[in-house]
């Protein structure tokens, strides 16, 4: 059964910020990067458990895929997959999570 892949507002904003940063140097690289991230997310409709469990959460339903140096973080639900974050792998996930959930 295919799940519906839904980007949260936060995750979409994260991706847009990265795309804007890349576009400063190259619009075409930025567009290609966004396509790559969206394509990776689309695969989750059928392969939702392909990513690894996010170590900071230790919850089997919160997983991540890597898109180059970025973590595409998602949560598996019964009929959907929610992309909940898109952050650089070097960033502190806890600090970002706390800031977003204040």
C-alpha atoms as a PDB file:
ATOM      1  CA  UNK A   1       0.000   0.000   0.000  1.00  0.00           C
ATOM      2  CA  UNK A   2       1.321   3.414  -0.932  1.00  0.00           C
ATOM      3  CA  UNK A   3       1.371   6.107   1.711  1.00  0.00           C
ATOM      4  CA  UNK A   4       0.778   9.764   0.958  1.00  0.00           C
ATOM      5  CA  UNK A   5       3.944  11.851   1.382  1.00  0.00           C
ATOM      6  CA  UNK A   6       3.212  15.202   3.029  1.00  0.00           C
ATOM      7  CA  UNK A   7       5.773  17.952   3.595  1.00  0.00           C
ATOM      8  CA  UNK A   8       5.135  19.956   6.757  1.00  0.00           C
ATOM      9  CA  UNK A   9       5.395  23.723   6.537  1.00  0.00           C
ATOM     10  CA  UNK A  10       8.596  23.612   8.606  1.00  0.00           C
ATOM     11  CA  UNK A  11      10.269  21.036   6.356  1.00  0.00           C
ATOM     12  CA  UNK A  12       9.259  22.886   3.203  1.00  0.00           C
ATOM     13  CA  UNK A  13      10.635  26.144   4.632  1.00  0.00           C
ATOM     14  CA  UNK A  14      13.886  24.328   5.517  1.00  0.00           C
ATOM     15  CA  UNK A  15      14.240  23.099   1.929  1.00  0.00           C
ATOM     16  CA  UNK A  16      13.461  26.545   0.509  1.00  0.00           C
ATOM     17  CA  UNK A  17      16.158  28.123   2.702  1.00  0.00           C
ATOM     18  CA  UNK A  18      18.746  25.629   1.457  1.00  0.00           C
ATOM     19  CA  UNK A  19      17.626  26.167  -2.141  1.00  0.00           C
ATOM     20  CA  UNK A  20      17.887  29.952  -1.753  1.00  0.00           C
ATOM     21  CA  UNK A  21      21.402  29.593  -0.346  1.00  0.00           C
ATOM     22  CA  UNK A  22      22.530  27.366  -3.235  1.00  0.00           C
ATOM     23  CA  UNK A  23      20.852  29.675  -5.771  1.00  0.00           C
ATOM     24  CA  UNK A  24      23.198  32.504  -4.755  1.00  0.00           C
ATOM     25  CA  UNK A  25      25.873  30.645  -6.706  1.00  0.00           C
ATOM     26  CA  UNK A  26      23.835  28.654  -9.201  1.00  0.00           C
ATOM     27  CA  UNK A  27      20.136  28.590  -9.916  1.00  0.00           C
ATOM     28  CA  UNK A  28      20.478  25.362 -11.922  1.00  0.00           C
ATOM     29  CA  UNK A  29      22.275  23.563  -9.044  1.00  0.00           C
ATOM     30  CA  UNK A  30      19.613  24.817  -6.680  1.00  0.00           C
ATOM     31  CA  UNK A  31      16.805  23.483  -8.880  1.00  0.00           C
ATOM     32  CA  UNK A  32      18.589  20.136  -9.256  1.00  0.00           C
ATOM     33  CA  UNK A  33      19.046  19.884  -5.492  1.00  0.00           C
ATOM     34  CA  UNK A  34      15.348  20.558  -4.843  1.00  0.00           C
ATOM     35  CA  UNK A  35      14.433  17.887  -7.410  1.00  0.00           C
ATOM     36  CA  UNK A  36      16.776  15.431  -5.709  1.00  0.00           C
ATOM     37  CA  UNK A  37      15.227  16.120  -2.286  1.00  0.00           C
ATOM     38  CA  UNK A  38      11.667  15.858  -3.605  1.00  0.00           C
ATOM     39  CA  UNK A  39      12.487  12.643  -5.491  1.00  0.00           C
ATOM     40  CA  UNK A  40      13.953  11.131  -2.324  1.00  0.00           C
ATOM     41  CA  UNK A  41      10.797  12.054  -0.406  1.00  0.00           C
ATOM     42  CA  UNK A  42       8.562  10.558  -3.120  1.00  0.00           C
ATOM     43  CA  UNK A  43      10.233   7.155  -2.705  1.00  0.00           C
ATOM     44  CA  UNK A  44       8.859   7.053   0.831  1.00  0.00           C
ATOM     45  CA  UNK A  45       5.348   6.436  -0.510  1.00  0.00           C
ATOM     46  CA  UNK A  46       6.332   2.810  -1.151  1.00  0.00           C
ATOM     47  CA  UNK A  47       9.555   2.441   0.835  1.00  0.00           C
ATOM     48  CA  UNK A  48       8.795   4.340   4.032  1.00  0.00           C
ATOM     49  CA  UNK A  49      11.064   2.196   6.211  1.00  0.00           C
ATOM     50  CA  UNK A  50      14.120   2.545   3.976  1.00  0.00           C
ATOM     51  CA  UNK A  51      15.686   5.309   6.057  1.00  0.00           C
ATOM     52  CA  UNK A  52      17.444   4.766   9.350  1.00  0.00           C
ATOM     53  CA  UNK A  53      15.887   5.556  12.710  1.00  0.00           C
ATOM     54  CA  UNK A  54      16.866   9.065  13.811  1.00  0.00           C
ATOM     55  CA  UNK A  55      19.343   8.448  16.661  1.00  0.00           C
ATOM     56  CA  UNK A  56      18.246  11.501  18.636  1.00  0.00           C
ATOM     57  CA  UNK A  57      14.665  10.207  18.898  1.00  0.00           C
ATOM     58  CA  UNK A  58      15.088   6.423  19.031  1.00  0.00           C
ATOM     59  CA  UNK A  59      11.550   6.036  17.659  1.00  0.00           C
ATOM     60  CA  UNK A  60      11.142   3.521  14.814  1.00  0.00           C
ATOM     61  CA  UNK A  61       8.550   5.773  13.170  1.00  0.00           C
ATOM     62  CA  UNK A  62      10.868   8.797  12.975  1.00  0.00           C
ATOM     63  CA  UNK A  63      13.474   8.149  10.315  1.00  0.00           C
ATOM     64  CA  UNK A  64      15.838   9.951   7.997  1.00  0.00           C
ATOM     65  CA  UNK A  65      17.293   9.781   4.541  1.00  0.00           C
ATOM     66  CA  UNK A  66      20.394  11.638   3.513  1.00  0.00           C
ATOM     67  CA  UNK A  67      20.268  13.920   0.499  1.00  0.00           C
ATOM     68  CA  UNK A  68      23.903  14.855   0.020  1.00  0.00           C
ATOM     69  CA  UNK A  69      24.852  16.438   3.392  1.00  0.00           C
ATOM     70  CA  UNK A  70      21.260  17.038   4.472  1.00  0.00           C
ATOM     71  CA  UNK A  71      18.968  14.992   6.664  1.00  0.00           C
ATOM     72  CA  UNK A  72      15.445  14.528   5.326  1.00  0.00           C
ATOM     73  CA  UNK A  73      13.624  13.649   8.545  1.00  0.00           C
ATOM     74  CA  UNK A  74      10.225  12.016   8.329  1.00  0.00           C
ATOM     75  CA  UNK A  75       7.578  10.378  10.472  1.00  0.00           C
ATOM     76  CA  UNK A  76       5.679   7.282   9.381  1.00  0.00           C
ATOM     77  CA  UNK A  77       1.937   7.206  10.068  1.00  0.00           C
ATOM     78  CA  UNK A  78      -0.634   4.596   9.087  1.00  0.00           C
ATOM     79  CA  UNK A  79      -1.533   6.042   5.679  1.00  0.00           C
ATOM     80  CA  UNK A  80       0.943   8.901   5.345  1.00  0.00           C
ATOM     81  CA  UNK A  81       4.572   9.851   5.659  1.00  0.00           C
ATOM     82  CA  UNK A  82       5.208  13.344   7.022  1.00  0.00           C
ATOM     83  CA  UNK A  83       8.458  15.065   6.097  1.00  0.00           C
ATOM     84  CA  UNK A  84       9.080  16.987   9.315  1.00  0.00           C
ATOM     85  CA  UNK A  85      12.514  18.472   8.759  1.00  0.00           C
ATOM     86  CA  UNK A  86      15.297  19.043   6.252  1.00  0.00           C
ATOM     87  CA  UNK A  87      18.518  20.097   7.959  1.00  0.00           C
ATOM     88  CA  UNK A  88      22.242  20.003   7.361  1.00  0.00           C
ATOM     89  CA  UNK A  89      23.843  16.946   8.910  1.00  0.00           C
ATOM     90  CA  UNK A  90      26.230  19.074  10.997  1.00  0.00           C
ATOM     91  CA  UNK A  91      23.429  21.030  12.707  1.00  0.00           C
ATOM     92  CA  UNK A  92      22.285  20.243  16.236  1.00  0.00           C
ATOM     93  CA  UNK A  93      18.883  18.602  15.797  1.00  0.00           C
ATOM     94  CA  UNK A  94      17.870  19.023  19.461  1.00  0.00           C
ATOM     95  CA  UNK A  95      18.525  22.763  19.426  1.00  0.00           C
ATOM     96  CA  UNK A  96      16.486  23.188  16.246  1.00  0.00           C
ATOM     97  CA  UNK A  97      13.687  20.965  17.556  1.00  0.00           C
ATOM     98  CA  UNK A  98      13.422  22.919  20.802  1.00  0.00           C
ATOM     99  CA  UNK A  99      13.398  26.255  18.952  1.00  0.00           C
ATOM    100  CA  UNK A 100      10.592  25.091  16.627  1.00  0.00           C
ATOM    101  CA  UNK A 101       8.488  23.647  19.460  1.00  0.00           C
ATOM    102  CA  UNK A 102       8.493  26.577  21.877  1.00  0.00           C
END
